[in-house]
PDB file of all heavy atoms in Angstrom:
ATOM      1  N   ASP A   1      -5.377 -13.744  -1.077  1.00  0.00           N
ATOM      2  CA  ASP A   1      -6.173 -15.048  -1.100  1.00  0.00           C
ATOM      3  C   ASP A   1      -4.942 -16.100  -1.076  1.00  0.00           C
ATOM      4  O   ASP A   1      -4.514 -16.518  -2.174  1.00  0.00           O
ATOM      5  CB  ASP A   1      -7.010 -15.170  -2.405  1.00  0.00           C
ATOM      6  CG  ASP A   1      -7.833 -16.444  -2.368  1.00  0.00           C
ATOM      7  OD1 ASP A   1      -7.503 -17.306  -1.490  1.00  0.00           O
ATOM      8  OD2 ASP A   1      -8.694 -16.487  -3.120  1.00  0.00           O
ATOM      9  N   LEU A   2      -4.528 -16.495   0.001  1.00  0.00           N
ATOM     10  CA  LEU A   2      -3.454 -17.436   0.144  1.00  0.00           C
ATOM     11  C   LEU A   2      -3.829 -18.795  -0.586  1.00  0.00           C
ATOM     12  O   LEU A   2      -2.883 -19.552  -1.137  1.00  0.00           O
ATOM     13  CB  LEU A   2      -3.070 -17.631   1.480  1.00  0.00           C
ATOM     14  CG  LEU A   2      -2.450 -16.513   2.259  1.00  0.00           C
ATOM     15  CD1 LEU A   2      -2.205 -16.895   3.757  1.00  0.00           C
ATOM     16  CD2 LEU A   2      -1.249 -15.934   1.493  1.00  0.00           C
ATOM     17  N   ILE A   3      -5.042 -19.293  -0.576  1.00  0.00           N
ATOM     18  CA  ILE A   3      -5.445 -20.470  -1.171  1.00  0.00           C
ATOM     19  C   ILE A   3      -5.285 -20.491  -2.563  1.00  0.00           C
ATOM     20  O   ILE A   3      -4.646 -21.348  -3.287  1.00  0.00           O
ATOM     21  CB  ILE A   3      -6.905 -20.852  -0.892  1.00  0.00           C
ATOM     22  CG1 ILE A   3      -7.150 -20.920   0.604  1.00  0.00           C
ATOM     23  CG2 ILE A   3      -7.414 -21.967  -1.657  1.00  0.00           C
ATOM     24  CD1 ILE A   3      -8.616 -21.117   1.007  1.00  0.00           C
ATOM     25  N   ALA A   4      -5.654 -19.270  -3.323  1.00  0.00           N
ATOM     26  CA  ALA A   4      -5.359 -19.111  -4.780  1.00  0.00           C
ATOM     27  C   ALA A   4      -3.867 -18.935  -5.048  1.00  0.00           C
ATOM     28  O   ALA A   4      -3.361 -19.610  -5.967  1.00  0.00           O
ATOM     29  CB  ALA A   4      -6.212 -17.891  -5.218  1.00  0.00           C
ATOM     30  N   LEU A   5      -3.249 -18.099  -4.265  1.00  0.00           N
ATOM     31  CA  LEU A   5      -1.812 -17.717  -4.518  1.00  0.00           C
ATOM     32  C   LEU A   5      -0.889 -19.007  -4.318  1.00  0.00           C
ATOM     33  O   LEU A   5       0.160 -18.954  -4.968  1.00  0.00           O
ATOM     34  CB  LEU A   5      -1.314 -16.581  -3.730  1.00  0.00           C
ATOM     35  CG  LEU A   5      -1.597 -15.168  -4.287  1.00  0.00           C
ATOM     36  CD1 LEU A   5      -3.016 -14.890  -4.639  1.00  0.00           C
ATOM     37  CD2 LEU A   5      -0.985 -14.067  -3.320  1.00  0.00           C
ATOM     38  N   TYR A   6      -1.220 -19.744  -3.429  1.00  0.00           N
ATOM     39  CA  TYR A   6      -0.377 -20.889  -3.162  1.00  0.00           C
ATOM     40  C   TYR A   6      -0.165 -21.791  -4.419  1.00  0.00           C
ATOM     41  O   TYR A   6       0.974 -22.379  -4.543  1.00  0.00           O
ATOM     42  CB  TYR A   6      -1.010 -21.857  -2.038  1.00  0.00           C
ATOM     43  CG  TYR A   6      -0.092 -22.911  -1.557  1.00  0.00           C
ATOM     44  CD1 TYR A   6       0.872 -22.644  -0.578  1.00  0.00           C
ATOM     45  CD2 TYR A   6      -0.324 -24.214  -2.106  1.00  0.00           C
ATOM     46  CE1 TYR A   6       1.602 -23.682  -0.088  1.00  0.00           C
ATOM     47  CE2 TYR A   6       0.485 -25.238  -1.561  1.00  0.00           C
ATOM     48  CZ  TYR A   6       1.544 -25.010  -0.672  1.00  0.00           C
ATOM     49  OH  TYR A   6       2.297 -26.041  -0.141  1.00  0.00           O
ATOM     50  N   ASP A   7      -1.098 -21.914  -5.288  1.00  0.00           N
ATOM     51  CA  ASP A   7      -0.978 -22.669  -6.523  1.00  0.00           C
ATOM     52  C   ASP A   7      -0.442 -21.900  -7.666  1.00  0.00           C
ATOM     53  O   ASP A   7      -0.326 -22.544  -8.717  1.00  0.00           O
ATOM     54  CB  ASP A   7      -2.359 -23.361  -6.804  1.00  0.00           C
ATOM     55  CG  ASP A   7      -2.848 -24.280  -5.861  1.00  0.00           C
ATOM     56  OD1 ASP A   7      -1.963 -24.992  -5.263  1.00  0.00           O
ATOM     57  OD2 ASP A   7      -4.035 -24.555  -5.518  1.00  0.00           O
ATOM     58  N   TYR A   8      -0.144 -20.569  -7.561  1.00  0.00           N
ATOM     59  CA  TYR A   8       0.424 -19.924  -8.635  1.00  0.00           C
ATOM     60  C   TYR A   8       1.899 -20.451  -9.030  1.00  0.00           C
ATOM     61  O   TYR A   8       2.585 -20.842  -8.130  1.00  0.00           O
ATOM     62  CB  TYR A   8       0.470 -18.328  -8.285  1.00  0.00           C
ATOM     63  CG  TYR A   8      -0.682 -17.555  -8.430  1.00  0.00           C
ATOM     64  CD1 TYR A   8      -1.968 -18.188  -8.530  1.00  0.00           C
ATOM     65  CD2 TYR A   8      -0.773 -16.207  -8.290  1.00  0.00           C
ATOM     66  CE1 TYR A   8      -3.041 -17.402  -8.593  1.00  0.00           C
ATOM     67  CE2 TYR A   8      -1.788 -15.504  -8.394  1.00  0.00           C
ATOM     68  CZ  TYR A   8      -3.032 -16.097  -8.539  1.00  0.00           C
ATOM     69  OH  TYR A   8      -4.107 -15.314  -8.587  1.00  0.00           O
ATOM     70  N   GLY A   9       2.123 -20.533 -10.328  1.00  0.00           N
ATOM     71  CA  GLY A   9       3.368 -20.840 -10.625  1.00  0.00           C
ATOM     72  C   GLY A   9       4.423 -19.685 -10.499  1.00  0.00           C
ATOM     73  O   GLY A   9       4.045 -18.561 -10.124  1.00  0.00           O
ATOM     74  N   GLU A  10       5.705 -19.837 -10.791  1.00  0.00           N
ATOM     75  CA  GLU A  10       6.739 -18.895 -10.630  1.00  0.00           C
ATOM     76  C   GLU A  10       6.410 -17.617 -11.357  1.00  0.00           C
ATOM     77  O   GLU A  10       6.523 -16.552 -10.841  1.00  0.00           O
ATOM     78  CB  GLU A  10       8.136 -19.475 -11.021  1.00  0.00           C
ATOM     79  CG  GLU A  10       8.607 -20.575 -10.182  1.00  0.00           C
ATOM     80  CD  GLU A  10      10.024 -20.889 -10.599  1.00  0.00           C
ATOM     81  OE1 GLU A  10      10.660 -20.296 -11.259  1.00  0.00           O
ATOM     82  OE2 GLU A  10      10.396 -21.995 -10.025  1.00  0.00           O
ATOM     83  N   ALA A  11       6.009 -17.750 -12.726  1.00  0.00           N
ATOM     84  CA  ALA A  11       5.631 -16.455 -13.440  1.00  0.00           C
ATOM     85  C   ALA A  11       4.439 -15.772 -12.927  1.00  0.00           C
ATOM     86  O   ALA A  11       4.418 -14.488 -12.820  1.00  0.00           O
ATOM     87  CB  ALA A  11       5.500 -16.826 -14.961  1.00  0.00           C
ATOM     88  N   GLU A  12       3.396 -16.495 -12.465  1.00  0.00           N
ATOM     89  CA  GLU A  12       2.284 -16.020 -11.958  1.00  0.00           C
ATOM     90  C   GLU A  12       2.412 -15.196 -10.686  1.00  0.00           C
ATOM     91  O   GLU A  12       1.856 -14.179 -10.441  1.00  0.00           O
ATOM     92  CB  GLU A  12       1.164 -17.074 -11.740  1.00  0.00           C
ATOM     93  CG  GLU A  12       0.625 -17.738 -13.091  1.00  0.00           C
ATOM     94  CD  GLU A  12      -0.331 -18.854 -12.744  1.00  0.00           C
ATOM     95  OE1 GLU A  12       0.075 -19.836 -12.103  1.00  0.00           O
ATOM     96  OE2 GLU A  12      -1.469 -18.733 -13.095  1.00  0.00           O
ATOM     97  N   ILE A  13       3.128 -15.907  -9.820  1.00  0.00           N
ATOM     98  CA  ILE A  13       3.396 -15.227  -8.401  1.00  0.00           C
ATOM     99  C   ILE A  13       4.208 -13.974  -8.598  1.00  0.00           C
ATOM    100  O   ILE A  13       4.123 -12.964  -7.862  1.00  0.00           O
ATOM    101  CB  ILE A  13       3.956 -16.261  -7.425  1.00  0.00           C
ATOM    102  CG1 ILE A  13       3.694 -15.591  -6.040  1.00  0.00           C
ATOM    103  CG2 ILE A  13       5.377 -16.544  -7.627  1.00  0.00           C
ATOM    104  CD1 ILE A  13       2.276 -15.475  -5.629  1.00  0.00           C
ATOM    105  N   LYS A  14       5.216 -13.974  -9.490  1.00  0.00           N
ATOM    106  CA  LYS A  14       6.160 -12.809  -9.797  1.00  0.00           C
ATOM    107  C   LYS A  14       5.227 -11.783 -10.363  1.00  0.00           C
ATOM    108  O   LYS A  14       5.383 -10.527  -9.863  1.00  0.00           O
ATOM    109  CB  LYS A  14       7.160 -13.091 -10.630  1.00  0.00           C
ATOM    110  CG  LYS A  14       8.107 -12.004 -10.887  1.00  0.00           C
ATOM    111  CD  LYS A  14       9.397 -12.380 -11.766  1.00  0.00           C
ATOM    112  CE  LYS A  14      10.300 -11.126 -11.799  1.00  0.00           C
ATOM    113  NZ  LYS A  14      11.557 -11.450 -12.708  1.00  0.00           N
ATOM    114  N   ALA A  15       4.288 -12.038 -11.234  1.00  0.00           N
ATOM    115  CA  ALA A  15       3.503 -11.076 -11.793  1.00  0.00           C
ATOM    116  C   ALA A  15       2.470 -10.419 -10.743  1.00  0.00           C
ATOM    117  O   ALA A  15       2.269  -9.278 -10.747  1.00  0.00           O
ATOM    118  CB  ALA A  15       2.685 -11.667 -13.014  1.00  0.00           C
ATOM    119  N   PHE A  16       2.052 -11.289  -9.882  1.00  0.00           N
ATOM    120  CA  PHE A  16       1.189 -10.866  -8.856  1.00  0.00           C
ATOM    121  C   PHE A  16       1.842  -9.781  -7.883  1.00  0.00           C
ATOM    122  O   PHE A  16       1.385  -8.758  -7.619  1.00  0.00           O
ATOM    123  CB  PHE A  16       0.648 -12.034  -7.966  1.00  0.00           C
ATOM    124  CG  PHE A  16      -0.130 -11.605  -6.788  1.00  0.00           C
ATOM    125  CD1 PHE A  16      -1.528 -11.367  -6.960  1.00  0.00           C
ATOM    126  CD2 PHE A  16       0.358 -11.361  -5.514  1.00  0.00           C
ATOM    127  CE1 PHE A  16      -2.394 -10.917  -5.921  1.00  0.00           C
ATOM    128  CE2 PHE A  16      -0.418 -10.946  -4.517  1.00  0.00           C
ATOM    129  CZ  PHE A  16      -1.772 -10.691  -4.627  1.00  0.00           C
ATOM    130  N   TRP A  17       3.014 -10.255  -7.435  1.00  0.00           N
ATOM    131  CA  TRP A  17       3.714  -9.254  -6.528  1.00  0.00           C
ATOM    132  C   TRP A  17       4.162  -8.021  -7.189  1.00  0.00           C
ATOM    133  O   TRP A  17       4.186  -6.870  -6.581  1.00  0.00           O
ATOM    134  CB  TRP A  17       4.965  -9.989  -5.826  1.00  0.00           C
ATOM    135  CG  TRP A  17       4.525 -10.944  -4.670  1.00  0.00           C
ATOM    136  CD1 TRP A  17       4.610 -12.300  -4.784  1.00  0.00           C
ATOM    137  CD2 TRP A  17       3.965 -10.502  -3.518  1.00  0.00           C
ATOM    138  NE1 TRP A  17       4.196 -12.893  -3.571  1.00  0.00           N
ATOM    139  CE2 TRP A  17       3.788 -11.770  -2.802  1.00  0.00           C
ATOM    140  CE3 TRP A  17       3.695  -9.350  -2.948  1.00  0.00           C
ATOM    141  CZ2 TRP A  17       3.274 -11.811  -1.510  1.00  0.00           C
ATOM    142  CZ3 TRP A  17       3.180  -9.369  -1.558  1.00  0.00           C
ATOM    143  CH2 TRP A  17       2.986 -10.529  -0.923  1.00  0.00           C
ATOM    144  N   THR A  18       4.516  -8.077  -8.365  1.00  0.00           N
ATOM    145  CA  THR A  18       4.809  -6.993  -9.136  1.00  0.00           C
ATOM    146  C   THR A  18       3.663  -5.974  -9.288  1.00  0.00           C
ATOM    147  O   THR A  18       3.787  -4.698  -8.925  1.00  0.00           O
ATOM    148  CB  THR A  18       5.276  -7.208 -10.592  1.00  0.00           C
ATOM    149  OG1 THR A  18       6.513  -8.076 -10.478  1.00  0.00           O
ATOM    150  CG2 THR A  18       5.661  -6.003 -11.483  1.00  0.00           C
ATOM    151  N   LEU A  19       2.462  -6.490  -9.489  1.00  0.00           N
ATOM    152  CA  LEU A  19       1.231  -5.689  -9.608  1.00  0.00           C
ATOM    153  C   LEU A  19       0.841  -5.226  -8.262  1.00  0.00           C
ATOM    154  O   LEU A  19       0.383  -4.139  -8.192  1.00  0.00           O
ATOM    155  CB  LEU A  19       0.173  -6.410 -10.343  1.00  0.00           C
ATOM    156  CG  LEU A  19      -1.165  -5.687 -10.549  1.00  0.00           C
ATOM    157  CD1 LEU A  19      -0.941  -4.402 -11.339  1.00  0.00           C
ATOM    158  CD2 LEU A  19      -2.237  -6.677 -11.182  1.00  0.00           C
ATOM    159  N   PHE A  20       1.052  -6.004  -7.237  1.00  0.00           N
ATOM    160  CA  PHE A  20       0.656  -5.615  -5.918  1.00  0.00           C
ATOM    161  C   PHE A  20       1.407  -4.402  -5.467  1.00  0.00           C
ATOM    162  O   PHE A  20       0.816  -3.477  -4.921  1.00  0.00           O
ATOM    163  CB  PHE A  20       0.885  -6.775  -4.935  1.00  0.00           C
ATOM    164  CG  PHE A  20       0.492  -6.435  -3.482  1.00  0.00           C
ATOM    165  CD1 PHE A  20      -0.724  -6.715  -3.119  1.00  0.00           C
ATOM    166  CD2 PHE A  20       1.336  -5.888  -2.592  1.00  0.00           C
ATOM    167  CE1 PHE A  20      -1.176  -6.334  -1.779  1.00  0.00           C
ATOM    168  CE2 PHE A  20       1.000  -5.685  -1.240  1.00  0.00           C
ATOM    169  CZ  PHE A  20      -0.303  -5.846  -0.908  1.00  0.00           C
ATOM    170  N   LEU A  21       2.747  -4.335  -5.680  1.00  0.00           N
ATOM    171  CA  LEU A  21       3.541  -3.154  -5.324  1.00  0.00           C
ATOM    172  C   LEU A  21       3.275  -1.955  -6.223  1.00  0.00           C
ATOM    173  O   LEU A  21       3.158  -0.829  -5.752  1.00  0.00           O
ATOM    174  CB  LEU A  21       4.972  -3.524  -5.416  1.00  0.00           C
ATOM    175  CG  LEU A  21       5.431  -4.560  -4.360  1.00  0.00           C
ATOM    176  CD1 LEU A  21       6.926  -4.797  -4.467  1.00  0.00           C
ATOM    177  CD2 LEU A  21       5.210  -4.111  -2.948  1.00  0.00           C
ATOM    178  N   LYS A  22       2.813  -2.236  -7.525  1.00  0.00           N
ATOM    179  CA  LYS A  22       2.530  -1.135  -8.440  1.00  0.00           C
ATOM    180  C   LYS A  22       1.204  -0.628  -7.875  1.00  0.00           C
ATOM    181  O   LYS A  22       1.000   0.612  -7.879  1.00  0.00           O
ATOM    182  CB  LYS A  22       2.428  -1.678  -9.838  1.00  0.00           C
ATOM    183  CG  LYS A  22       1.941  -0.590 -10.799  1.00  0.00           C
ATOM    184  CD  LYS A  22       1.745  -1.097 -12.219  1.00  0.00           C
ATOM    185  CE  LYS A  22       1.382  -0.045 -13.310  1.00  0.00           C
ATOM    186  NZ  LYS A  22       0.215   0.710 -12.880  1.00  0.00           N
ATOM    187  N   ASN A  23       0.234  -1.466  -7.646  1.00  0.00           N
ATOM    188  CA  ASN A  23      -1.077  -0.989  -7.206  1.00  0.00           C
ATOM    189  C   ASN A  23      -0.925  -0.152  -5.940  1.00  0.00           C
ATOM    190  O   ASN A  23      -1.658   0.824  -5.764  1.00  0.00           O
ATOM    191  CB  ASN A  23      -2.010  -2.217  -6.895  1.00  0.00           C
ATOM    192  CG  ASN A  23      -3.481  -1.790  -6.741  1.00  0.00           C
ATOM    193  OD1 ASN A  23      -4.191  -1.224  -7.700  1.00  0.00           O
ATOM    194  ND2 ASN A  23      -3.905  -2.094  -5.458  1.00  0.00           N
ATOM    195  N   THR A  24      -0.053  -0.556  -4.990  1.00  0.00           N
ATOM    196  CA  THR A  24       0.155   0.263  -3.752  1.00  0.00           C
ATOM    197  C   THR A  24       0.636   1.568  -4.095  1.00  0.00           C
ATOM    198  O   THR A  24       0.148   2.583  -3.455  1.00  0.00           O
ATOM    199  CB  THR A  24       1.134  -0.528  -2.789  1.00  0.00           C
ATOM    200  OG1 THR A  24       0.677  -1.829  -2.625  1.00  0.00           O
ATOM    201  CG2 THR A  24       1.485   0.257  -1.555  1.00  0.00           C
ATOM    202  N   LYS A  25       1.610   1.680  -4.883  1.00  0.00           N
ATOM    203  CA  LYS A  25       2.114   2.964  -5.404  1.00  0.00           C
ATOM    204  C   LYS A  25       1.047   3.816  -6.024  1.00  0.00           C
ATOM    205  O   LYS A  25       0.969   4.984  -5.805  1.00  0.00           O
ATOM    206  CB  LYS A  25       3.373   2.773  -6.305  1.00  0.00           C
ATOM    207  CG  LYS A  25       3.886   4.057  -6.853  1.00  0.00           C
ATOM    208  CD  LYS A  25       5.003   3.854  -7.791  1.00  0.00           C
ATOM    209  CE  LYS A  25       4.650   3.112  -9.135  1.00  0.00           C
ATOM    210  NZ  LYS A  25       3.644   4.043  -9.958  1.00  0.00           N
ATOM    211  N   ASP A  26       0.290   3.148  -6.973  1.00  0.00           N
ATOM    212  CA  ASP A  26      -0.776   3.949  -7.772  1.00  0.00           C
ATOM    213  C   ASP A  26      -1.933   4.450  -6.801  1.00  0.00           C
ATOM    214  O   ASP A  26      -2.334   5.517  -6.903  1.00  0.00           O
ATOM    215  CB  ASP A  26      -1.242   2.973  -8.829  1.00  0.00           C
ATOM    216  CG  ASP A  26      -0.333   2.735  -9.900  1.00  0.00           C
ATOM    217  OD1 ASP A  26       0.666   3.563  -9.965  1.00  0.00           O
ATOM    218  OD2 ASP A  26      -0.623   1.971 -10.808  1.00  0.00           O
ATOM    219  N   LEU A  27      -2.223   3.670  -5.746  1.00  0.00           N
ATOM    220  CA  LEU A  27      -3.242   4.084  -4.908  1.00  0.00           C
ATOM    221  C   LEU A  27      -2.800   5.220  -3.980  1.00  0.00           C
ATOM    222  O   LEU A  27      -3.409   6.152  -3.606  1.00  0.00           O
ATOM    223  CB  LEU A  27      -3.754   2.975  -3.936  1.00  0.00           C
ATOM    224  CG  LEU A  27      -4.756   2.010  -4.546  1.00  0.00           C
ATOM    225  CD1 LEU A  27      -4.941   0.871  -3.552  1.00  0.00           C
ATOM    226  CD2 LEU A  27      -6.099   2.726  -4.665  1.00  0.00           C
ATOM    227  N   ALA A  28      -1.563   5.094  -3.464  1.00  0.00           N
ATOM    228  CA  ALA A  28      -0.864   6.074  -2.543  1.00  0.00           C
ATOM    229  C   ALA A  28      -0.765   7.308  -3.254  1.00  0.00           C
ATOM    230  O   ALA A  28      -0.809   8.461  -2.696  1.00  0.00           O
ATOM    231  CB  ALA A  28       0.444   5.435  -1.977  1.00  0.00           C
ATOM    232  N   SER A  29      -0.421   7.375  -4.587  1.00  0.00           N
ATOM    233  CA  SER A  29      -0.209   8.565  -5.355  1.00  0.00           C
ATOM    234  C   SER A  29      -1.352   9.086  -6.108  1.00  0.00           C
ATOM    235  O   SER A  29      -1.426   9.985  -6.873  1.00  0.00           O
ATOM    236  CB  SER A  29       0.932   8.261  -6.357  1.00  0.00           C
ATOM    237  OG  SER A  29       0.610   7.244  -7.297  1.00  0.00           O
ATOM    238  N   PHE A  30      -2.556   8.451  -5.845  1.00  0.00           N
ATOM    239  CA  PHE A  30      -3.793   8.941  -6.425  1.00  0.00           C
ATOM    240  C   PHE A  30      -4.118  10.329  -6.015  1.00  0.00           C
ATOM    241  O   PHE A  30      -4.166  10.552  -4.801  1.00  0.00           O
ATOM    242  CB  PHE A  30      -5.012   7.933  -6.050  1.00  0.00           C
ATOM    243  CG  PHE A  30      -6.211   8.252  -6.672  1.00  0.00           C
ATOM    244  CD1 PHE A  30      -6.515   7.907  -7.951  1.00  0.00           C
ATOM    245  CD2 PHE A  30      -7.366   8.811  -5.890  1.00  0.00           C
ATOM    246  CE1 PHE A  30      -7.738   8.143  -8.572  1.00  0.00           C
ATOM    247  CE2 PHE A  30      -8.561   8.997  -6.478  1.00  0.00           C
ATOM    248  CZ  PHE A  30      -8.853   8.619  -7.901  1.00  0.00           C
ATOM    249  N   PRO A  31      -4.322  11.197  -6.946  1.00  0.00           N
ATOM    250  CA  PRO A  31      -4.273  12.684  -6.545  1.00  0.00           C
ATOM    251  C   PRO A  31      -5.616  13.063  -5.949  1.00  0.00           C
ATOM    252  O   PRO A  31      -5.689  14.036  -5.102  1.00  0.00           O
ATOM    253  CB  PRO A  31      -4.119  13.417  -7.812  1.00  0.00           C
ATOM    254  CG  PRO A  31      -4.560  12.438  -8.943  1.00  0.00           C
ATOM    255  CD  PRO A  31      -4.264  11.038  -8.428  1.00  0.00           C
ATOM    256  N   LYS A  32      -6.723  12.496  -6.214  1.00  0.00           N
ATOM    257  CA  LYS A  32      -7.981  12.811  -5.700  1.00  0.00           C
ATOM    258  C   LYS A  32      -8.287  12.255  -4.301  1.00  0.00           C
ATOM    259  O   LYS A  32      -7.665  11.307  -3.833  1.00  0.00           O
ATOM    260  CB  LYS A  32      -9.073  12.339  -6.751  1.00  0.00           C
ATOM    261  CG  LYS A  32      -9.007  12.901  -8.070  1.00  0.00           C
ATOM    262  CD  LYS A  32     -10.040  12.398  -9.048  1.00  0.00           C
ATOM    263  CE  LYS A  32      -9.888  12.962 -10.453  1.00  0.00           C
ATOM    264  NZ  LYS A  32     -10.771  12.367 -11.449  1.00  0.00           N
TER     265      LYS A  32
END
């Protein structure tokens, strides 16, 4: 959601990208 993310501050956007990459890893390594 670029409209929402555009207004994120520095800490918020860093937290978002950190979780985005973590979520990608967690989904890809989901065993079921």
